[in-house]
């Protein structure tokens, strides 16, 4: 599954990575690969910005703006019973926070 191209906020600091593999283990969309014993982001467009990797990284090597982007759009769609939308404008208004 891919979301909007080049919009995910997931970032990695390779110098902090200890190669434990927790990010890959908890990621629901297999965003991570390993190169030279360290994690690398190989599927950024598949990231739904859930934050599972950040919460489980013992080295603090990952960052993501949880609850933004496609993850928020999917949740908003589920809550409203409509199509996924990240519209955060006042009710009835037109606009987007993405």
N, C-alpha and C. Protein backbone atom coordinates (compact mmCIF):
# COMPACT_ATOMS: atom_id res chain seq x y z
N UNK A 1 0.84 -1.17 0.00
CA UNK A 1 0.00 0.00 0.00
C UNK A 1 0.89 1.23 0.00
N UNK A 2 0.57 2.17 -0.87
CA UNK A 2 1.31 3.43 -0.91
C UNK A 2 0.34 4.57 -0.65
N UNK A 3 0.84 5.62 -0.06
CA UNK A 3 0.06 6.80 0.22
C UNK A 3 0.53 7.92 -0.70
N UNK A 4 0.37 9.15 -0.30
CA UNK A 4 0.80 10.27 -1.12
C UNK A 4 2.32 10.27 -1.24
N UNK A 5 2.81 10.41 -2.45
CA UNK A 5 4.25 10.35 -2.70
C UNK A 5 5.00 11.49 -2.01
N UNK A 6 6.10 11.14 -1.39
CA UNK A 6 7.04 12.10 -0.79
C UNK A 6 6.42 13.03 0.24
N UNK A 7 5.46 12.54 1.02
CA UNK A 7 4.84 13.40 2.03
C UNK A 7 5.05 12.93 3.46
N UNK A 8 5.46 11.70 3.67
CA UNK A 8 5.63 11.17 5.02
C UNK A 8 6.74 11.92 5.75
N UNK A 9 6.54 12.11 7.04
CA UNK A 9 7.49 12.87 7.85
C UNK A 9 8.53 11.98 8.54
N UNK A 10 8.51 10.69 8.26
CA UNK A 10 9.45 9.75 8.88
C UNK A 10 10.89 10.10 8.51
N UNK A 11 11.74 10.16 9.53
CA UNK A 11 13.17 10.43 9.32
C UNK A 11 13.98 9.51 10.21
N UNK A 12 15.20 9.20 9.77
CA UNK A 12 16.11 8.38 10.56
C UNK A 12 17.45 9.08 10.68
N UNK A 13 18.06 8.94 11.85
CA UNK A 13 19.42 9.42 12.09
C UNK A 13 20.32 8.19 12.11
N UNK A 14 20.94 7.86 10.98
CA UNK A 14 21.74 6.63 10.89
C UNK A 14 22.84 6.53 11.95
N UNK A 15 23.38 7.67 12.35
CA UNK A 15 24.45 7.65 13.34
C UNK A 15 23.96 7.20 14.71
N UNK A 16 22.67 7.30 14.98
CA UNK A 16 22.10 6.85 16.26
C UNK A 16 21.64 5.41 16.22
N UNK A 17 21.38 4.88 15.03
CA UNK A 17 20.84 3.53 14.89
C UNK A 17 21.81 2.49 15.42
N UNK A 18 21.28 1.55 16.24
CA UNK A 18 22.11 0.47 16.79
C UNK A 18 21.84 -0.86 16.08
N UNK A 19 20.97 -0.85 15.08
CA UNK A 19 20.72 -2.05 14.29
C UNK A 19 19.92 -3.13 14.99
N UNK A 20 19.11 -2.76 15.97
CA UNK A 20 18.37 -3.75 16.75
C UNK A 20 17.21 -4.40 15.97
N UNK A 21 16.69 -3.71 14.97
CA UNK A 21 15.62 -4.26 14.15
C UNK A 21 14.21 -4.05 14.66
N UNK A 22 14.05 -3.36 15.78
CA UNK A 22 12.71 -3.14 16.33
C UNK A 22 11.81 -2.37 15.37
N UNK A 23 12.36 -1.41 14.66
CA UNK A 23 11.56 -0.61 13.73
C UNK A 23 10.93 -1.50 12.66
N UNK A 24 11.72 -2.40 12.12
CA UNK A 24 11.23 -3.30 11.08
C UNK A 24 10.23 -4.29 11.66
N UNK A 25 10.43 -4.70 12.89
CA UNK A 25 9.53 -5.67 13.52
C UNK A 25 8.15 -5.09 13.77
N UNK A 26 8.06 -3.83 14.15
CA UNK A 26 6.76 -3.24 14.51
C UNK A 26 6.09 -2.49 13.37
N UNK A 27 6.80 -2.22 12.30
CA UNK A 27 6.23 -1.44 11.19
C UNK A 27 5.18 -2.26 10.45
N UNK A 28 3.93 -1.77 10.39
CA UNK A 28 2.88 -2.54 9.72
C UNK A 28 2.99 -2.56 8.20
N UNK A 29 3.84 -1.71 7.62
CA UNK A 29 3.94 -1.64 6.16
C UNK A 29 5.34 -1.88 5.62
N UNK A 30 6.19 -2.50 6.40
CA UNK A 30 7.54 -2.87 5.96
C UNK A 30 8.30 -1.72 5.30
N UNK A 31 8.35 -0.61 5.99
CA UNK A 31 9.01 0.60 5.48
C UNK A 31 10.54 0.50 5.57
N UNK A 32 11.04 -0.34 6.48
CA UNK A 32 12.48 -0.39 6.75
C UNK A 32 13.18 -1.55 6.10
N UNK A 33 14.46 -1.33 5.77
CA UNK A 33 15.37 -2.38 5.32
C UNK A 33 16.64 -2.18 6.14
N UNK A 34 17.60 -3.07 5.95
CA UNK A 34 18.86 -2.93 6.67
C UNK A 34 20.02 -2.91 5.70
N UNK A 35 20.88 -1.94 5.90
CA UNK A 35 22.07 -1.76 5.07
C UNK A 35 23.26 -1.59 5.99
N UNK A 36 24.24 -2.45 5.87
CA UNK A 36 25.42 -2.34 6.72
C UNK A 36 25.11 -2.48 8.19
N UNK A 37 24.10 -3.28 8.53
CA UNK A 37 23.74 -3.50 9.92
C UNK A 37 22.93 -2.40 10.57
N UNK A 38 22.49 -1.44 9.78
CA UNK A 38 21.69 -0.34 10.31
C UNK A 38 20.40 -0.20 9.52
N UNK A 39 19.38 0.31 10.18
CA UNK A 39 18.09 0.51 9.53
C UNK A 39 18.18 1.62 8.49
N UNK A 40 17.40 1.43 7.44
CA UNK A 40 17.28 2.45 6.39
C UNK A 40 15.81 2.50 5.99
N UNK A 41 15.36 3.64 5.56
CA UNK A 41 13.98 3.79 5.10
C UNK A 41 13.96 3.45 3.63
N UNK A 42 13.32 2.34 3.30
CA UNK A 42 13.29 1.90 1.91
C UNK A 42 11.92 2.04 1.27
N UNK A 43 10.91 2.38 2.08
CA UNK A 43 9.55 2.50 1.55
C UNK A 43 8.83 3.69 2.14
N UNK A 44 9.42 4.87 2.03
CA UNK A 44 8.84 6.06 2.66
C UNK A 44 7.38 6.27 2.27
N UNK A 45 7.04 6.04 1.02
CA UNK A 45 5.67 6.28 0.56
C UNK A 45 4.66 5.29 1.14
N UNK A 46 5.14 4.23 1.78
CA UNK A 46 4.25 3.27 2.43
C UNK A 46 4.02 3.61 3.90
N UNK A 47 4.76 4.59 4.42
CA UNK A 47 4.64 4.98 5.83
C UNK A 47 3.30 5.66 6.08
N UNK A 48 2.57 5.16 7.10
CA UNK A 48 1.29 5.76 7.46
C UNK A 48 1.42 6.65 8.70
N UNK A 49 2.64 6.88 9.13
CA UNK A 49 2.96 7.80 10.23
C UNK A 49 2.28 7.43 11.54
N UNK A 50 2.22 6.13 11.82
CA UNK A 50 1.56 5.67 13.05
C UNK A 50 2.43 5.89 14.29
N UNK A 51 3.74 5.91 14.13
CA UNK A 51 4.65 6.15 15.24
C UNK A 51 5.11 4.90 15.97
N UNK A 52 4.71 3.71 15.52
CA UNK A 52 5.13 2.48 16.19
C UNK A 52 6.65 2.35 16.21
N UNK A 53 7.30 2.70 15.11
CA UNK A 53 8.76 2.60 15.04
C UNK A 53 9.43 3.53 16.04
N UNK A 54 8.95 4.75 16.12
CA UNK A 54 9.53 5.74 17.03
C UNK A 54 9.35 5.28 18.48
N UNK A 55 8.17 4.78 18.80
CA UNK A 55 7.90 4.33 20.17
C UNK A 55 8.75 3.14 20.58
N UNK A 56 9.23 2.37 19.62
CA UNK A 56 9.98 1.16 19.93
C UNK A 56 11.47 1.25 19.64
N UNK A 57 11.95 2.39 19.20
CA UNK A 57 13.37 2.56 18.90
C UNK A 57 14.12 2.89 20.20
N UNK A 58 14.95 1.97 20.69
CA UNK A 58 15.65 2.22 21.95
C UNK A 58 16.75 3.28 21.84
N UNK A 59 17.17 3.58 20.63
CA UNK A 59 18.27 4.53 20.43
C UNK A 59 17.79 5.93 20.09
N UNK A 60 16.49 6.11 19.90
CA UNK A 60 15.99 7.44 19.53
C UNK A 60 16.44 7.88 18.15
N UNK A 61 16.61 6.92 17.25
CA UNK A 61 17.12 7.22 15.92
C UNK A 61 16.03 7.63 14.93
N UNK A 62 14.78 7.52 15.32
CA UNK A 62 13.68 7.80 14.39
C UNK A 62 12.83 8.96 14.87
N UNK A 63 12.23 9.66 13.91
CA UNK A 63 11.27 10.71 14.23
C UNK A 63 10.17 10.68 13.18
N UNK A 64 8.97 11.02 13.60
CA UNK A 64 7.82 11.11 12.70
C UNK A 64 6.78 11.98 13.37
N UNK A 65 6.07 12.75 12.59
CA UNK A 65 4.95 13.53 13.11
C UNK A 65 3.74 12.63 13.13
N UNK A 66 3.50 11.99 14.28
CA UNK A 66 2.39 11.05 14.40
C UNK A 66 1.06 11.76 14.25
N UNK A 67 0.14 11.06 13.59
CA UNK A 67 -1.21 11.58 13.47
C UNK A 67 -1.38 12.63 12.39
N UNK A 68 -0.40 12.77 11.52
CA UNK A 68 -0.53 13.69 10.39
C UNK A 68 -0.56 12.89 9.12
N UNK A 69 -0.73 13.54 8.03
CA UNK A 69 -0.64 12.87 6.74
C UNK A 69 -1.68 11.80 6.55
N UNK A 70 -1.28 10.72 5.92
CA UNK A 70 -2.22 9.68 5.54
C UNK A 70 -2.82 8.95 6.72
N UNK A 71 -2.08 8.79 7.80
CA UNK A 71 -2.65 8.10 8.96
C UNK A 71 -3.83 8.89 9.49
N UNK A 72 -3.67 10.20 9.59
CA UNK A 72 -4.78 11.04 10.07
C UNK A 72 -5.94 11.01 9.09
N UNK A 73 -5.65 11.00 7.80
CA UNK A 73 -6.71 10.97 6.80
C UNK A 73 -7.53 9.70 6.91
N UNK A 74 -6.87 8.58 7.11
CA UNK A 74 -7.57 7.31 7.24
C UNK A 74 -8.43 7.30 8.50
N UNK A 75 -7.86 7.75 9.61
CA UNK A 75 -8.61 7.79 10.87
C UNK A 75 -9.80 8.73 10.76
N UNK A 76 -9.59 9.92 10.17
CA UNK A 76 -10.71 10.86 10.00
C UNK A 76 -11.81 10.25 9.15
N UNK A 77 -11.45 9.56 8.10
CA UNK A 77 -12.44 8.90 7.25
C UNK A 77 -13.23 7.85 8.00
N UNK A 78 -12.53 7.07 8.84
CA UNK A 78 -13.20 6.04 9.62
C UNK A 78 -14.15 6.66 10.64
N UNK A 79 -13.73 7.74 11.28
CA UNK A 79 -14.56 8.38 12.30
C UNK A 79 -15.79 9.06 11.72
N UNK A 80 -15.65 9.62 10.52
CA UNK A 80 -16.77 10.33 9.92
C UNK A 80 -17.61 9.46 9.00
N UNK A 81 -17.12 8.25 8.71
CA UNK A 81 -17.83 7.36 7.81
C UNK A 81 -17.71 7.76 6.35
N UNK A 82 -16.77 8.64 6.06
CA UNK A 82 -16.58 9.11 4.69
C UNK A 82 -15.25 8.66 4.12
N UNK A 83 -14.89 9.28 3.03
CA UNK A 83 -13.61 9.01 2.39
C UNK A 83 -12.49 9.57 3.26
N UNK A 84 -11.31 8.97 3.20
CA UNK A 84 -10.17 9.51 3.95
C UNK A 84 -9.92 10.97 3.58
N UNK A 85 -9.83 11.81 4.60
CA UNK A 85 -9.60 13.24 4.38
C UNK A 85 -8.81 13.79 5.55
N UNK A 86 -7.85 14.62 5.24
CA UNK A 86 -7.10 15.26 6.33
C UNK A 86 -7.52 16.72 6.45
N UNK A 87 -8.71 17.02 6.03
CA UNK A 87 -9.26 18.37 6.13
C UNK A 87 -9.43 18.73 7.61
N UNK A 88 -8.75 19.74 8.07
CA UNK A 88 -8.89 20.13 9.48
C UNK A 88 -9.44 21.54 9.59
N UNK A 89 -10.16 21.98 8.57
CA UNK A 89 -10.77 23.31 8.60
C UNK A 89 -12.03 23.25 9.45
N UNK A 90 -12.54 24.42 9.87
CA UNK A 90 -13.78 24.44 10.65
C UNK A 90 -14.92 23.80 9.86
N UNK A 91 -15.91 23.27 10.58
CA UNK A 91 -17.04 22.62 9.93
C UNK A 91 -17.63 23.49 8.83
N UNK A 92 -17.85 22.87 7.68
CA UNK A 92 -18.44 23.59 6.56
C UNK A 92 -17.44 24.36 5.74
N UNK A 93 -16.22 24.56 6.26
CA UNK A 93 -15.23 25.31 5.51
C UNK A 93 -14.45 24.44 4.56
N UNK A 94 -13.77 25.06 3.67
CA UNK A 94 -12.92 24.33 2.73
C UNK A 94 -11.47 24.60 3.14
N UNK A 95 -10.68 23.57 3.12
CA UNK A 95 -9.29 23.77 3.48
C UNK A 95 -8.64 22.45 3.82
N UNK A 96 -7.36 22.51 4.04
CA UNK A 96 -6.63 21.29 4.34
C UNK A 96 -5.42 21.61 5.19
N UNK A 97 -5.10 20.67 6.06
CA UNK A 97 -3.89 20.84 6.88
C UNK A 97 -2.75 20.00 6.35
N UNK A 98 -2.91 19.37 5.23
CA UNK A 98 -1.86 18.52 4.68
C UNK A 98 -0.89 19.33 3.85
